[in-house]
Amino acid sequence: MSVINIEHTETTPKVIFNKEKGVFIIEGKTLPENVNQFYEPLFDWLNNYVNNPNDETILEIKLEYINTASSKAIFSVFLKLEKIIENGGKAKIKWYYADDDEDMKDVGEEYADVIKVPFEHIEFESED
């Protein structure tokens, strides 16, 4: 499988999906002008990945900001991981949030309540 490696911008997150190295990261801000245009290639990649996943899939999410449209797209990404589990595989989400960012902490907790993928909440010290 090809590697997805997208550098972050002011409105889009850094994304790395590398099956060979087992690295799956979404990091930064996600408020793209066209959410479907940004996330559609990620969904396509994940649809292929779900058919032949690694022994364990760990998705690391470290967002500074997420708008409503992007939150729906991220939820769709999580549903792909849920499908891996439904097919007998292993998947986990590591949700990183700054110690001074209650909003991102709450968003992660809300996702964890509705998605059937193990969630690990990881607080880190803010750089501010």
N, C-alpha and C. Protein backbone atom coordinates (compact mmCIF):
# COMPACT_ATOMS: atom_id res chain seq x y z
N MET A 1 0.83 -1.19 0.00
CA MET A 1 0.00 0.00 0.00
C MET A 1 0.87 1.24 0.00
N SER A 2 0.41 2.23 -0.70
CA SER A 2 1.15 3.49 -0.71
C SER A 2 1.04 4.16 0.66
N VAL A 3 1.96 5.05 0.93
CA VAL A 3 1.99 5.80 2.19
C VAL A 3 1.27 7.13 1.97
N ILE A 4 0.43 7.49 2.92
CA ILE A 4 -0.14 8.84 2.92
C ILE A 4 0.71 9.66 3.87
N ASN A 5 1.24 10.75 3.36
CA ASN A 5 2.05 11.65 4.17
C ASN A 5 1.70 13.08 3.76
N ILE A 6 0.83 13.71 4.53
CA ILE A 6 0.35 15.05 4.22
C ILE A 6 0.88 16.01 5.29
N GLU A 7 1.56 17.05 4.85
CA GLU A 7 2.04 18.06 5.80
C GLU A 7 0.88 18.94 6.23
N HIS A 8 0.95 19.43 7.46
CA HIS A 8 -0.11 20.28 7.98
C HIS A 8 -0.09 21.65 7.31
N THR A 9 -1.25 22.30 7.32
CA THR A 9 -1.37 23.69 6.89
C THR A 9 -2.10 24.43 8.00
N GLU A 10 -2.46 25.67 7.75
CA GLU A 10 -3.22 26.43 8.74
C GLU A 10 -4.60 25.82 9.00
N THR A 11 -5.13 25.09 8.01
CA THR A 11 -6.49 24.57 8.14
C THR A 11 -6.60 23.04 8.05
N THR A 12 -5.49 22.37 7.78
CA THR A 12 -5.54 20.91 7.66
C THR A 12 -4.46 20.26 8.53
N PRO A 13 -4.74 19.07 9.02
CA PRO A 13 -3.77 18.41 9.89
C PRO A 13 -2.68 17.68 9.12
N LYS A 14 -1.62 17.39 9.83
CA LYS A 14 -0.60 16.47 9.34
C LYS A 14 -1.22 15.07 9.41
N VAL A 15 -1.05 14.31 8.35
CA VAL A 15 -1.58 12.94 8.32
C VAL A 15 -0.49 12.01 7.82
N ILE A 16 -0.26 10.96 8.58
CA ILE A 16 0.65 9.89 8.14
C ILE A 16 -0.08 8.57 8.33
N PHE A 17 -0.28 7.87 7.24
CA PHE A 17 -0.79 6.50 7.27
C PHE A 17 0.25 5.65 6.57
N ASN A 18 1.00 4.86 7.33
CA ASN A 18 2.06 4.04 6.79
C ASN A 18 1.88 2.61 7.30
N LYS A 19 1.28 1.78 6.46
CA LYS A 19 0.99 0.39 6.86
C LYS A 19 2.27 -0.37 7.20
N GLU A 20 3.30 -0.22 6.39
CA GLU A 20 4.54 -0.97 6.59
C GLU A 20 5.17 -0.67 7.95
N LYS A 21 5.21 0.60 8.33
CA LYS A 21 5.82 0.99 9.61
C LYS A 21 4.80 0.95 10.76
N GLY A 22 3.53 0.77 10.44
CA GLY A 22 2.50 0.73 11.47
C GLY A 22 2.25 2.08 12.11
N VAL A 23 2.44 3.15 11.33
CA VAL A 23 2.27 4.51 11.85
C VAL A 23 0.99 5.12 11.28
N PHE A 24 0.12 5.57 12.18
CA PHE A 24 -1.14 6.19 11.80
C PHE A 24 -1.34 7.41 12.68
N ILE A 25 -1.21 8.60 12.10
CA ILE A 25 -1.23 9.85 12.87
C ILE A 25 -2.11 10.89 12.18
N ILE A 26 -2.91 11.58 12.97
CA ILE A 26 -3.61 12.79 12.53
C ILE A 26 -3.30 13.84 13.59
N GLU A 27 -2.68 14.95 13.18
CA GLU A 27 -2.16 15.91 14.16
C GLU A 27 -2.27 17.34 13.64
N GLY A 28 -2.72 18.24 14.51
CA GLY A 28 -2.76 19.66 14.19
C GLY A 28 -4.17 20.21 14.27
N LYS A 29 -4.50 21.07 13.32
CA LYS A 29 -5.83 21.68 13.24
C LYS A 29 -6.56 21.07 12.06
N THR A 30 -7.86 20.84 12.24
CA THR A 30 -8.64 20.34 11.12
C THR A 30 -9.91 21.17 10.95
N LEU A 31 -9.84 22.06 9.99
CA LEU A 31 -10.96 22.90 9.59
C LEU A 31 -10.85 23.24 8.11
N PRO A 32 -10.68 22.19 7.28
CA PRO A 32 -10.50 22.45 5.85
C PRO A 32 -11.75 23.07 5.23
N GLU A 33 -11.51 23.86 4.20
CA GLU A 33 -12.62 24.50 3.50
C GLU A 33 -13.57 23.46 2.92
N ASN A 34 -12.99 22.41 2.34
CA ASN A 34 -13.78 21.32 1.78
C ASN A 34 -13.39 20.02 2.50
N VAL A 35 -14.15 19.67 3.51
CA VAL A 35 -13.84 18.50 4.34
C VAL A 35 -13.82 17.23 3.50
N ASN A 36 -14.81 17.06 2.64
CA ASN A 36 -14.87 15.84 1.82
C ASN A 36 -13.65 15.70 0.93
N GLN A 37 -13.22 16.79 0.32
CA GLN A 37 -12.06 16.75 -0.56
C GLN A 37 -10.81 16.34 0.22
N PHE A 38 -10.66 16.82 1.45
CA PHE A 38 -9.48 16.48 2.24
C PHE A 38 -9.53 15.04 2.74
N TYR A 39 -10.67 14.62 3.28
CA TYR A 39 -10.75 13.33 3.94
C TYR A 39 -11.06 12.15 3.02
N GLU A 40 -11.63 12.40 1.85
CA GLU A 40 -12.00 11.29 0.95
C GLU A 40 -10.83 10.36 0.63
N PRO A 41 -9.64 10.89 0.29
CA PRO A 41 -8.51 9.97 0.03
C PRO A 41 -8.12 9.14 1.26
N LEU A 42 -8.32 9.71 2.45
CA LEU A 42 -8.02 8.96 3.68
C LEU A 42 -9.02 7.82 3.86
N PHE A 43 -10.31 8.11 3.59
CA PHE A 43 -11.33 7.07 3.68
C PHE A 43 -11.04 5.95 2.68
N ASP A 44 -10.68 6.32 1.45
CA ASP A 44 -10.38 5.31 0.43
C ASP A 44 -9.22 4.42 0.87
N TRP A 45 -8.17 5.05 1.40
CA TRP A 45 -6.99 4.31 1.86
C TRP A 45 -7.40 3.36 2.98
N LEU A 46 -8.16 3.88 3.94
CA LEU A 46 -8.57 3.05 5.07
C LEU A 46 -9.50 1.92 4.64
N ASN A 47 -10.35 2.16 3.66
CA ASN A 47 -11.22 1.09 3.16
C ASN A 47 -10.39 -0.08 2.63
N ASN A 48 -9.30 0.22 1.94
CA ASN A 48 -8.40 -0.82 1.46
C ASN A 48 -7.65 -1.48 2.62
N TYR A 49 -7.21 -0.66 3.56
CA TYR A 49 -6.45 -1.15 4.71
C TYR A 49 -7.28 -2.13 5.55
N VAL A 50 -8.56 -1.83 5.75
CA VAL A 50 -9.43 -2.66 6.58
C VAL A 50 -9.47 -4.10 6.06
N ASN A 51 -9.32 -4.29 4.76
CA ASN A 51 -9.35 -5.64 4.18
C ASN A 51 -8.10 -6.45 4.50
N ASN A 52 -7.00 -5.78 4.85
CA ASN A 52 -5.75 -6.47 5.17
C ASN A 52 -4.96 -5.64 6.18
N PRO A 53 -5.48 -5.51 7.41
CA PRO A 53 -4.81 -4.65 8.39
C PRO A 53 -3.58 -5.31 9.02
N ASN A 54 -2.79 -4.49 9.68
CA ASN A 54 -1.67 -5.00 10.47
C ASN A 54 -2.24 -5.81 11.64
N ASP A 55 -1.35 -6.54 12.34
CA ASP A 55 -1.79 -7.31 13.50
C ASP A 55 -2.47 -6.41 14.53
N GLU A 56 -1.93 -5.20 14.68
CA GLU A 56 -2.54 -4.20 15.56
C GLU A 56 -2.45 -2.84 14.90
N THR A 57 -3.53 -2.08 14.98
CA THR A 57 -3.58 -0.74 14.40
C THR A 57 -3.75 0.25 15.54
N ILE A 58 -2.80 1.19 15.63
CA ILE A 58 -2.89 2.24 16.64
C ILE A 58 -2.93 3.58 15.91
N LEU A 59 -4.02 4.29 16.09
CA LEU A 59 -4.20 5.61 15.50
C LEU A 59 -3.96 6.66 16.57
N GLU A 60 -2.99 7.54 16.32
CA GLU A 60 -2.69 8.62 17.26
C GLU A 60 -3.32 9.91 16.76
N ILE A 61 -4.15 10.51 17.61
CA ILE A 61 -4.83 11.76 17.30
C ILE A 61 -4.32 12.82 18.26
N LYS A 62 -3.80 13.90 17.70
CA LYS A 62 -3.30 15.00 18.54
C LYS A 62 -3.75 16.31 17.88
N LEU A 63 -4.98 16.70 18.19
CA LEU A 63 -5.57 17.87 17.54
C LEU A 63 -5.57 19.09 18.45
N GLU A 64 -5.29 20.23 17.85
CA GLU A 64 -5.37 21.51 18.55
C GLU A 64 -6.76 22.11 18.39
N TYR A 65 -7.38 21.82 17.24
CA TYR A 65 -8.70 22.37 16.95
C TYR A 65 -9.39 21.46 15.94
N ILE A 66 -10.72 21.31 16.12
CA ILE A 66 -11.51 20.52 15.19
C ILE A 66 -12.86 21.21 15.02
N ASN A 67 -13.25 21.44 13.76
CA ASN A 67 -14.57 22.03 13.52
C ASN A 67 -15.61 20.92 13.40
N THR A 68 -16.87 21.30 13.31
CA THR A 68 -17.96 20.33 13.31
C THR A 68 -17.87 19.37 12.13
N ALA A 69 -17.64 19.88 10.95
CA ALA A 69 -17.56 19.03 9.76
C ALA A 69 -16.41 18.03 9.89
N SER A 70 -15.28 18.49 10.40
CA SER A 70 -14.14 17.59 10.58
C SER A 70 -14.40 16.56 11.65
N SER A 71 -15.17 16.93 12.69
CA SER A 71 -15.45 15.96 13.75
C SER A 71 -16.24 14.77 13.18
N LYS A 72 -17.11 15.04 12.22
CA LYS A 72 -17.84 13.95 11.56
C LYS A 72 -16.89 13.09 10.73
N ALA A 73 -15.93 13.72 10.08
CA ALA A 73 -14.95 12.97 9.27
C ALA A 73 -14.06 12.10 10.18
N ILE A 74 -13.63 12.66 11.29
CA ILE A 74 -12.80 11.89 12.23
C ILE A 74 -13.60 10.70 12.77
N PHE A 75 -14.89 10.93 13.05
CA PHE A 75 -15.75 9.84 13.50
C PHE A 75 -15.79 8.74 12.45
N SER A 76 -15.86 9.12 11.18
CA SER A 76 -15.86 8.13 10.09
C SER A 76 -14.55 7.35 10.06
N VAL A 77 -13.44 8.01 10.36
CA VAL A 77 -12.15 7.31 10.45
C VAL A 77 -12.22 6.28 11.58
N PHE A 78 -12.78 6.68 12.71
CA PHE A 78 -12.91 5.75 13.84
C PHE A 78 -13.78 4.55 13.49
N LEU A 79 -14.81 4.78 12.69
CA LEU A 79 -15.67 3.67 12.28
C LEU A 79 -14.91 2.64 11.45
N LYS A 80 -13.91 3.10 10.69
CA LYS A 80 -13.06 2.17 9.94
C LYS A 80 -12.30 1.26 10.91
N LEU A 81 -11.80 1.84 12.00
CA LEU A 81 -11.10 1.04 13.01
C LEU A 81 -12.06 0.07 13.69
N GLU A 82 -13.27 0.52 13.90
CA GLU A 82 -14.28 -0.34 14.49
C GLU A 82 -14.51 -1.57 13.60
N LYS A 83 -14.48 -1.36 12.30
CA LYS A 83 -14.67 -2.47 11.35
C LYS A 83 -13.52 -3.49 11.48
N ILE A 84 -12.30 -3.01 11.72
CA ILE A 84 -11.17 -3.91 11.93
C ILE A 84 -11.45 -4.82 13.12
N ILE A 85 -11.95 -4.24 14.20
CA ILE A 85 -12.26 -5.02 15.40
C ILE A 85 -13.40 -6.01 15.11
N GLU A 86 -14.42 -5.55 14.40
CA GLU A 86 -15.54 -6.43 14.05
C GLU A 86 -15.07 -7.63 13.23
N ASN A 87 -14.00 -7.43 12.45
CA ASN A 87 -13.44 -8.51 11.63
C ASN A 87 -12.42 -9.35 12.39
N GLY A 88 -12.27 -9.13 13.70
CA GLY A 88 -11.38 -9.94 14.51
C GLY A 88 -10.00 -9.37 14.72
N GLY A 89 -9.75 -8.17 14.22
CA GLY A 89 -8.44 -7.54 14.39
C GLY A 89 -8.35 -6.72 15.66
N LYS A 90 -7.17 -6.12 15.85
CA LYS A 90 -6.94 -5.27 17.02
C LYS A 90 -6.72 -3.84 16.55
N ALA A 91 -7.36 -2.91 17.26
CA ALA A 91 -7.19 -1.49 16.97
C ALA A 91 -7.32 -0.71 18.27
N LYS A 92 -6.67 0.45 18.28
CA LYS A 92 -6.70 1.32 19.46
C LYS A 92 -6.55 2.76 18.99
N ILE A 93 -7.18 3.67 19.72
CA ILE A 93 -7.03 5.10 19.45
C ILE A 93 -6.33 5.73 20.63
N LYS A 94 -5.25 6.46 20.35
CA LYS A 94 -4.56 7.24 21.37
C LYS A 94 -4.93 8.70 21.14
N TRP A 95 -5.68 9.26 22.07
CA TRP A 95 -6.19 10.63 21.96
C TRP A 95 -5.33 11.53 22.86
N TYR A 96 -4.52 12.38 22.24
CA TYR A 96 -3.65 13.29 22.97
C TYR A 96 -4.34 14.65 23.11
N TYR A 97 -4.20 15.25 24.29
CA TYR A 97 -4.75 16.59 24.51
C TYR A 97 -3.85 17.33 25.49
N ALA A 98 -3.73 18.64 25.29
CA ALA A 98 -2.91 19.48 26.16
C ALA A 98 -3.58 19.61 27.53
N ASP A 99 -2.78 19.70 28.57
CA ASP A 99 -3.32 19.77 29.93
C ASP A 99 -4.20 21.00 30.17
N ASP A 100 -4.09 22.00 29.32
CA ASP A 100 -4.91 23.21 29.47
C ASP A 100 -6.03 23.28 28.42
N ASP A 101 -6.32 22.17 27.76
CA ASP A 101 -7.32 22.16 26.69
C ASP A 101 -8.49 21.24 27.04
N GLU A 102 -9.39 21.76 27.85
CA GLU A 102 -10.56 20.99 28.29
C GLU A 102 -11.44 20.59 27.11
N ASP A 103 -11.51 21.46 26.09
CA ASP A 103 -12.36 21.15 24.93
C ASP A 103 -11.91 19.88 24.22
N MET A 104 -10.61 19.77 23.95
CA MET A 104 -10.10 18.57 23.26
C MET A 104 -10.22 17.34 24.16
N LYS A 105 -10.04 17.52 25.44
CA LYS A 105 -10.23 16.40 26.37
C LYS A 105 -11.68 15.92 26.29
N ASP A 106 -12.63 16.86 26.32
CA ASP A 106 -14.05 16.52 26.27
C ASP A 106 -14.42 15.85 24.95
N VAL A 107 -13.88 16.36 23.85
CA VAL A 107 -14.17 15.76 22.54
C VAL A 107 -13.72 14.31 22.52
N GLY A 108 -12.53 14.05 23.02
CA GLY A 108 -12.03 12.67 23.08
C GLY A 108 -12.91 11.78 23.92
N GLU A 109 -13.38 12.31 25.05
CA GLU A 109 -14.25 11.52 25.92
C GLU A 109 -15.59 11.23 25.24
N GLU A 110 -16.11 12.21 24.49
CA GLU A 110 -17.36 11.99 23.77
C GLU A 110 -17.20 10.90 22.70
N TYR A 111 -16.09 10.95 21.95
CA TYR A 111 -15.85 9.89 20.97
C TYR A 111 -15.76 8.53 21.66
N ALA A 112 -15.01 8.48 22.76
CA ALA A 112 -14.80 7.21 23.46
C ALA A 112 -16.12 6.60 23.94
N ASP A 113 -17.09 7.45 24.24
CA ASP A 113 -18.38 6.97 24.72
C ASP A 113 -19.22 6.30 23.63
N VAL A 114 -18.98 6.65 22.37
CA VAL A 114 -19.84 6.15 21.30
C VAL A 114 -19.17 5.19 20.32
N ILE A 115 -17.86 5.14 20.34
CA ILE A 115 -17.15 4.28 19.38
C ILE A 115 -16.70 3.00 20.09
N LYS A 116 -16.73 1.89 19.39
CA LYS A 116 -16.37 0.60 19.98
C LYS A 116 -14.92 0.24 19.66
N VAL A 117 -14.04 1.19 19.92
CA VAL A 117 -12.61 0.99 19.76
C VAL A 117 -11.96 1.42 21.07
N PRO A 118 -11.03 0.64 21.61
CA PRO A 118 -10.37 1.06 22.85
C PRO A 118 -9.72 2.43 22.67
N PHE A 119 -9.94 3.28 23.66
CA PHE A 119 -9.43 4.65 23.65
C PHE A 119 -8.43 4.82 24.79
N GLU A 120 -7.31 5.43 24.49
CA GLU A 120 -6.35 5.80 25.53
C GLU A 120 -6.25 7.32 25.50
N HIS A 121 -6.60 7.95 26.62
CA HIS A 121 -6.53 9.41 26.73
C HIS A 121 -5.17 9.77 27.31
N ILE A 122 -4.42 10.63 26.58
CA ILE A 122 -3.06 10.95 26.99
C ILE A 122 -2.93 12.47 27.11
N GLU A 123 -2.74 12.92 28.33
CA GLU A 123 -2.55 14.35 28.58
C GLU A 123 -1.07 14.68 28.46
N PHE A 124 -0.78 15.82 27.81
CA PHE A 124 0.60 16.28 27.74
C PHE A 124 0.67 17.73 28.17
N GLU A 125 1.84 18.17 28.56
CA GLU A 125 2.01 19.53 29.03
C GLU A 125 1.97 20.51 27.87
N SER A 126 1.15 21.52 28.02
CA SER A 126 1.00 22.55 26.99
C SER A 126 2.32 23.29 26.81
N GLU A 127 2.57 23.69 25.56
CA GLU A 127 3.82 24.41 25.26
C GLU A 127 3.67 25.91 25.46
N ASP A 128 2.45 26.36 25.78
CA ASP A 128 2.21 27.79 25.95
C ASP A 128 2.81 28.33 27.23
